[in-house]
Amino acid sequence: MSCVDIVWLKKRKDYLRTQSGRKWRSPSFILTMRAREASEKVGDHFSRFGCTVTKRIGNAVRRNRVKRRLREAIRMVAPSNAQAGFDYVIIARAAALDAPFGDMVEELRTALQRVHANP
């Protein structure tokens, strides 16, 4: 796999579109992935990522901490493991708050490999 650029998802409809794609569940998060269609007006030379943390995780301080941890894990893993032309959304689970950061990075690396593996 080649090194790809990361762009962050900003629109709700882009988050919702990934729900129809492939999913991978890990203890810290759920990764959803969908290939972008040709009709979408974005290039195929980058991958797009988004993070979602629900109120079930805790108050704003806890949710923001989880988001920061997930975004940093994405920055570390995605350039070498994500594929261009795909949208990814990570939905945090409660374990993401207390999980060792190294374990989260490894879970993300594994999740990206698994969603792209043949079913």
N, C-alpha and C. Protein backbone atom coordinates (compact mmCIF):
# COMPACT_ATOMS: atom_id res chain seq x y z
N MET A 1 0.84 -1.18 0.00
CA MET A 1 0.00 0.00 0.00
C MET A 1 0.88 1.24 0.00
N SER A 2 0.40 2.24 -0.66
CA SER A 2 1.16 3.47 -0.73
C SER A 2 0.70 4.44 0.35
N CYS A 3 1.46 5.48 0.51
CA CYS A 3 1.15 6.50 1.51
C CYS A 3 0.06 7.41 0.95
N VAL A 4 -1.02 7.58 1.68
CA VAL A 4 -2.13 8.41 1.23
C VAL A 4 -2.30 9.60 2.16
N ASP A 5 -2.90 10.65 1.64
CA ASP A 5 -3.20 11.83 2.43
C ASP A 5 -4.50 11.61 3.19
N ILE A 6 -4.65 12.32 4.30
CA ILE A 6 -5.84 12.21 5.14
C ILE A 6 -6.62 13.51 5.04
N VAL A 7 -7.92 13.39 4.80
CA VAL A 7 -8.84 14.52 4.81
C VAL A 7 -9.93 14.15 5.82
N TRP A 8 -10.41 15.13 6.57
CA TRP A 8 -11.41 14.86 7.60
C TRP A 8 -12.81 15.08 7.05
N LEU A 9 -13.72 14.15 7.35
CA LEU A 9 -15.12 14.28 6.97
C LEU A 9 -15.74 15.42 7.77
N LYS A 10 -16.59 16.20 7.11
CA LYS A 10 -17.21 17.33 7.78
C LYS A 10 -18.73 17.32 7.71
N LYS A 11 -19.29 16.62 6.74
CA LYS A 11 -20.74 16.66 6.53
C LYS A 11 -21.40 15.39 7.04
N ARG A 12 -22.57 15.57 7.64
CA ARG A 12 -23.31 14.45 8.22
C ARG A 12 -23.63 13.38 7.18
N LYS A 13 -23.97 13.79 5.97
CA LYS A 13 -24.33 12.81 4.94
C LYS A 13 -23.15 11.90 4.61
N ASP A 14 -21.93 12.41 4.70
CA ASP A 14 -20.76 11.57 4.46
C ASP A 14 -20.59 10.54 5.57
N TYR A 15 -20.87 10.93 6.81
CA TYR A 15 -20.81 10.00 7.92
C TYR A 15 -21.85 8.89 7.73
N LEU A 16 -23.07 9.29 7.34
CA LEU A 16 -24.16 8.33 7.19
C LEU A 16 -23.91 7.36 6.04
N ARG A 17 -23.26 7.81 4.98
CA ARG A 17 -22.99 6.93 3.84
C ARG A 17 -22.10 5.75 4.22
N THR A 18 -21.18 5.96 5.15
CA THR A 18 -20.27 4.87 5.51
C THR A 18 -21.00 3.73 6.22
N GLN A 19 -22.18 4.00 6.76
CA GLN A 19 -22.91 2.96 7.49
C GLN A 19 -23.35 1.81 6.59
N SER A 20 -23.41 2.06 5.28
CA SER A 20 -23.81 1.00 4.37
C SER A 20 -22.63 0.15 3.91
N GLY A 21 -21.43 0.50 4.34
CA GLY A 21 -20.24 -0.22 3.91
C GLY A 21 -19.83 -1.32 4.89
N ARG A 22 -18.57 -1.69 4.82
CA ARG A 22 -18.05 -2.75 5.68
C ARG A 22 -17.75 -2.22 7.07
N LYS A 23 -17.84 -3.12 8.06
CA LYS A 23 -17.62 -2.74 9.46
C LYS A 23 -16.63 -3.70 10.12
N TRP A 24 -15.91 -3.16 11.09
CA TRP A 24 -15.03 -3.99 11.92
C TRP A 24 -15.16 -3.49 13.35
N ARG A 25 -15.42 -4.43 14.26
CA ARG A 25 -15.58 -4.09 15.68
C ARG A 25 -14.34 -4.49 16.45
N SER A 26 -13.87 -3.58 17.28
CA SER A 26 -12.75 -3.85 18.18
C SER A 26 -13.18 -3.41 19.58
N PRO A 27 -12.41 -3.72 20.60
CA PRO A 27 -12.81 -3.32 21.95
C PRO A 27 -12.94 -1.80 22.13
N SER A 28 -12.14 -1.02 21.42
CA SER A 28 -12.13 0.43 21.63
C SER A 28 -13.01 1.23 20.68
N PHE A 29 -13.33 0.66 19.51
CA PHE A 29 -14.09 1.41 18.53
C PHE A 29 -14.70 0.47 17.50
N ILE A 30 -15.58 1.06 16.68
CA ILE A 30 -16.15 0.37 15.52
C ILE A 30 -15.70 1.17 14.30
N LEU A 31 -15.11 0.51 13.33
CA LEU A 31 -14.66 1.16 12.10
C LEU A 31 -15.64 0.82 10.99
N THR A 32 -16.18 1.85 10.32
CA THR A 32 -17.02 1.63 9.15
C THR A 32 -16.29 2.22 7.95
N MET A 33 -16.42 1.56 6.80
CA MET A 33 -15.68 1.97 5.62
C MET A 33 -16.56 1.82 4.40
N ARG A 34 -16.41 2.75 3.45
CA ARG A 34 -17.15 2.69 2.20
C ARG A 34 -16.30 3.31 1.09
N ALA A 35 -16.31 2.66 -0.06
CA ALA A 35 -15.61 3.22 -1.22
C ALA A 35 -16.43 4.37 -1.78
N ARG A 36 -15.75 5.44 -2.14
CA ARG A 36 -16.45 6.58 -2.75
C ARG A 36 -16.84 6.22 -4.18
N GLU A 37 -17.99 6.73 -4.58
CA GLU A 37 -18.49 6.47 -5.93
C GLU A 37 -17.94 7.51 -6.90
N ALA A 38 -17.95 7.17 -8.17
CA ALA A 38 -17.44 8.07 -9.20
C ALA A 38 -18.26 9.36 -9.28
N SER A 39 -19.53 9.29 -8.90
CA SER A 39 -20.40 10.46 -8.99
C SER A 39 -20.07 11.51 -7.93
N GLU A 40 -19.37 11.11 -6.87
CA GLU A 40 -18.99 12.07 -5.84
C GLU A 40 -17.86 12.94 -6.37
N LYS A 41 -17.92 14.21 -6.08
CA LYS A 41 -16.98 15.15 -6.69
C LYS A 41 -15.72 15.34 -5.85
N VAL A 42 -15.16 14.26 -5.37
CA VAL A 42 -13.89 14.35 -4.65
C VAL A 42 -12.91 13.40 -5.30
N GLY A 43 -11.64 13.71 -5.19
CA GLY A 43 -10.61 12.91 -5.86
C GLY A 43 -10.38 11.56 -5.21
N ASP A 44 -9.62 10.74 -5.91
CA ASP A 44 -9.30 9.41 -5.41
C ASP A 44 -7.86 9.30 -4.91
N HIS A 45 -7.21 10.42 -4.68
CA HIS A 45 -5.82 10.37 -4.23
C HIS A 45 -5.67 10.53 -2.72
N PHE A 46 -6.78 10.51 -1.99
CA PHE A 46 -6.73 10.62 -0.54
C PHE A 46 -7.84 9.79 0.09
N SER A 47 -7.73 9.56 1.38
CA SER A 47 -8.79 8.89 2.14
C SER A 47 -9.37 9.91 3.11
N ARG A 48 -10.67 9.75 3.42
CA ARG A 48 -11.34 10.67 4.34
C ARG A 48 -11.70 9.93 5.61
N PHE A 49 -11.49 10.58 6.75
CA PHE A 49 -11.76 9.99 8.05
C PHE A 49 -12.68 10.88 8.86
N GLY A 50 -13.45 10.24 9.74
CA GLY A 50 -14.29 10.95 10.69
C GLY A 50 -14.34 10.18 12.00
N CYS A 51 -14.54 10.89 13.10
CA CYS A 51 -14.64 10.27 14.43
C CYS A 51 -15.97 10.67 15.05
N THR A 52 -16.60 9.72 15.72
CA THR A 52 -17.85 9.98 16.42
C THR A 52 -17.71 9.46 17.84
N VAL A 53 -18.06 10.31 18.80
CA VAL A 53 -18.04 9.92 20.21
C VAL A 53 -19.37 10.33 20.80
N THR A 54 -20.16 9.36 21.25
CA THR A 54 -21.50 9.65 21.77
C THR A 54 -21.44 10.09 23.23
N LYS A 55 -22.56 10.61 23.71
CA LYS A 55 -22.63 11.06 25.10
C LYS A 55 -22.55 9.92 26.10
N ARG A 56 -22.76 8.68 25.62
CA ARG A 56 -22.64 7.53 26.51
C ARG A 56 -21.22 7.37 27.04
N ILE A 57 -20.24 7.94 26.34
CA ILE A 57 -18.84 7.85 26.77
C ILE A 57 -18.60 8.66 28.03
N GLY A 58 -19.30 9.77 28.17
CA GLY A 58 -19.12 10.59 29.37
C GLY A 58 -19.36 12.06 29.06
N ASN A 59 -18.85 12.91 29.95
CA ASN A 59 -19.05 14.34 29.77
C ASN A 59 -18.13 14.87 28.66
N ALA A 60 -18.18 16.17 28.39
CA ALA A 60 -17.45 16.76 27.27
C ALA A 60 -15.94 16.56 27.40
N VAL A 61 -15.42 16.62 28.61
CA VAL A 61 -13.99 16.44 28.81
C VAL A 61 -13.56 15.03 28.39
N ARG A 62 -14.32 14.04 28.78
CA ARG A 62 -14.00 12.65 28.40
C ARG A 62 -14.16 12.43 26.89
N ARG A 63 -15.23 12.96 26.32
CA ARG A 63 -15.46 12.79 24.88
C ARG A 63 -14.34 13.44 24.07
N ASN A 64 -13.93 14.64 24.47
CA ASN A 64 -12.86 15.31 23.75
C ASN A 64 -11.53 14.56 23.87
N ARG A 65 -11.28 13.98 25.03
CA ARG A 65 -10.05 13.20 25.20
C ARG A 65 -10.05 11.99 24.28
N VAL A 66 -11.19 11.32 24.18
CA VAL A 66 -11.29 10.16 23.29
C VAL A 66 -11.09 10.60 21.84
N LYS A 67 -11.69 11.72 21.45
CA LYS A 67 -11.52 12.21 20.08
C LYS A 67 -10.07 12.53 19.77
N ARG A 68 -9.38 13.17 20.71
CA ARG A 68 -7.96 13.48 20.50
C ARG A 68 -7.14 12.21 20.33
N ARG A 69 -7.42 11.19 21.16
CA ARG A 69 -6.69 9.93 21.07
C ARG A 69 -6.95 9.23 19.74
N LEU A 70 -8.21 9.22 19.29
CA LEU A 70 -8.54 8.58 18.02
C LEU A 70 -7.91 9.32 16.84
N ARG A 71 -7.97 10.65 16.85
CA ARG A 71 -7.38 11.40 15.74
C ARG A 71 -5.88 11.18 15.65
N GLU A 72 -5.20 11.10 16.79
CA GLU A 72 -3.76 10.86 16.77
C GLU A 72 -3.45 9.44 16.27
N ALA A 73 -4.26 8.48 16.67
CA ALA A 73 -4.06 7.12 16.16
C ALA A 73 -4.26 7.08 14.65
N ILE A 74 -5.24 7.81 14.15
CA ILE A 74 -5.47 7.88 12.71
C ILE A 74 -4.26 8.49 12.02
N ARG A 75 -3.73 9.58 12.57
CA ARG A 75 -2.56 10.23 11.96
C ARG A 75 -1.36 9.29 11.91
N MET A 76 -1.24 8.42 12.87
CA MET A 76 -0.10 7.50 12.92
C MET A 76 -0.26 6.32 11.96
N VAL A 77 -1.47 5.79 11.86
CA VAL A 77 -1.70 4.53 11.14
C VAL A 77 -2.17 4.73 9.71
N ALA A 78 -3.03 5.68 9.47
CA ALA A 78 -3.70 5.81 8.18
C ALA A 78 -2.78 6.03 6.98
N PRO A 79 -1.74 6.85 7.07
CA PRO A 79 -0.94 7.06 5.86
C PRO A 79 -0.38 5.78 5.23
N SER A 80 -0.09 4.79 6.04
CA SER A 80 0.48 3.57 5.47
C SER A 80 -0.52 2.42 5.38
N ASN A 81 -1.69 2.52 6.01
CA ASN A 81 -2.64 1.41 6.03
C ASN A 81 -3.97 1.69 5.37
N ALA A 82 -4.36 2.95 5.24
CA ALA A 82 -5.62 3.29 4.59
C ALA A 82 -5.41 3.30 3.07
N GLN A 83 -6.50 3.14 2.34
CA GLN A 83 -6.43 3.16 0.89
C GLN A 83 -7.13 4.40 0.36
N ALA A 84 -6.56 4.97 -0.66
CA ALA A 84 -7.15 6.16 -1.27
C ALA A 84 -8.49 5.81 -1.91
N GLY A 85 -9.41 6.78 -1.90
CA GLY A 85 -10.72 6.56 -2.51
C GLY A 85 -11.75 5.97 -1.58
N PHE A 86 -11.44 5.90 -0.28
CA PHE A 86 -12.37 5.34 0.71
C PHE A 86 -12.66 6.36 1.79
N ASP A 87 -13.87 6.24 2.37
CA ASP A 87 -14.26 7.04 3.54
C ASP A 87 -14.31 6.10 4.74
N TYR A 88 -13.79 6.57 5.87
CA TYR A 88 -13.77 5.78 7.10
C TYR A 88 -14.39 6.60 8.23
N VAL A 89 -15.18 5.96 9.06
CA VAL A 89 -15.70 6.59 10.27
C VAL A 89 -15.40 5.67 11.44
N ILE A 90 -14.87 6.26 12.51
CA ILE A 90 -14.57 5.51 13.72
C ILE A 90 -15.57 5.95 14.78
N ILE A 91 -16.31 4.98 15.32
CA ILE A 91 -17.28 5.23 16.37
C ILE A 91 -16.68 4.71 17.67
N ALA A 92 -16.43 5.62 18.60
CA ALA A 92 -15.75 5.26 19.84
C ALA A 92 -16.63 4.42 20.74
N ARG A 93 -16.00 3.50 21.46
CA ARG A 93 -16.66 2.73 22.50
C ARG A 93 -16.09 3.17 23.84
N ALA A 94 -16.73 2.76 24.92
CA ALA A 94 -16.32 3.20 26.26
C ALA A 94 -14.88 2.80 26.58
N ALA A 95 -14.42 1.69 26.06
CA ALA A 95 -13.05 1.23 26.35
C ALA A 95 -11.99 2.15 25.76
N ALA A 96 -12.35 3.01 24.81
CA ALA A 96 -11.38 3.89 24.17
C ALA A 96 -10.81 4.92 25.14
N LEU A 97 -11.53 5.21 26.21
CA LEU A 97 -11.06 6.20 27.17
C LEU A 97 -9.88 5.69 27.99
N ASP A 98 -9.92 4.42 28.39
CA ASP A 98 -8.90 3.89 29.29
C ASP A 98 -7.93 2.91 28.64
N ALA A 99 -8.14 2.57 27.38
CA ALA A 99 -7.28 1.60 26.72
C ALA A 99 -5.89 2.20 26.52
N PRO A 100 -4.84 1.39 26.65
CA PRO A 100 -3.50 1.90 26.36
C PRO A 100 -3.42 2.36 24.90
N PHE A 101 -2.75 3.49 24.68
CA PHE A 101 -2.71 4.09 23.35
C PHE A 101 -2.09 3.13 22.33
N GLY A 102 -1.07 2.42 22.71
CA GLY A 102 -0.43 1.47 21.79
C GLY A 102 -1.39 0.39 21.33
N ASP A 103 -2.27 -0.05 22.23
CA ASP A 103 -3.27 -1.05 21.86
C ASP A 103 -4.28 -0.47 20.86
N MET A 104 -4.67 0.79 21.07
CA MET A 104 -5.61 1.43 20.14
C MET A 104 -5.00 1.55 18.75
N VAL A 105 -3.73 1.91 18.70
CA VAL A 105 -3.05 2.04 17.40
C VAL A 105 -3.02 0.69 16.69
N GLU A 106 -2.71 -0.35 17.43
CA GLU A 106 -2.65 -1.68 16.84
C GLU A 106 -4.04 -2.16 16.41
N GLU A 107 -5.07 -1.85 17.20
CA GLU A 107 -6.44 -2.19 16.82
C GLU A 107 -6.83 -1.49 15.52
N LEU A 108 -6.45 -0.23 15.39
CA LEU A 108 -6.78 0.51 14.16
C LEU A 108 -6.04 -0.07 12.97
N ARG A 109 -4.79 -0.41 13.15
CA ARG A 109 -4.01 -1.02 12.06
C ARG A 109 -4.68 -2.33 11.61
N THR A 110 -5.06 -3.15 12.57
CA THR A 110 -5.72 -4.42 12.26
C THR A 110 -7.07 -4.19 11.59
N ALA A 111 -7.83 -3.23 12.10
CA ALA A 111 -9.17 -2.95 11.55
C ALA A 111 -9.07 -2.49 10.09
N LEU A 112 -8.11 -1.62 9.78
CA LEU A 112 -7.96 -1.16 8.41
C LEU A 112 -7.57 -2.31 7.47
N GLN A 113 -6.74 -3.21 7.94
CA GLN A 113 -6.37 -4.37 7.13
C GLN A 113 -7.56 -5.30 6.93
N ARG A 114 -8.36 -5.49 7.96
CA ARG A 114 -9.49 -6.43 7.88
C ARG A 114 -10.61 -5.93 7.00
N VAL A 115 -10.92 -4.62 7.05
CA VAL A 115 -12.03 -4.14 6.23
C VAL A 115 -11.68 -4.18 4.75
N HIS A 116 -10.40 -4.17 4.42
CA HIS A 116 -10.01 -4.25 3.02
C HIS A 116 -9.73 -5.67 2.55
N ALA A 117 -9.71 -6.61 3.48
CA ALA A 117 -9.50 -8.02 3.09
C ALA A 117 -10.75 -8.54 2.40
N ASN A 118 -10.59 -9.51 1.53
CA ASN A 118 -11.74 -10.09 0.85
C ASN A 118 -12.63 -10.81 1.85
N PRO A 119 -13.97 -10.68 1.71
CA PRO A 119 -14.87 -11.33 2.67
C PRO A 119 -14.83 -12.85 2.59
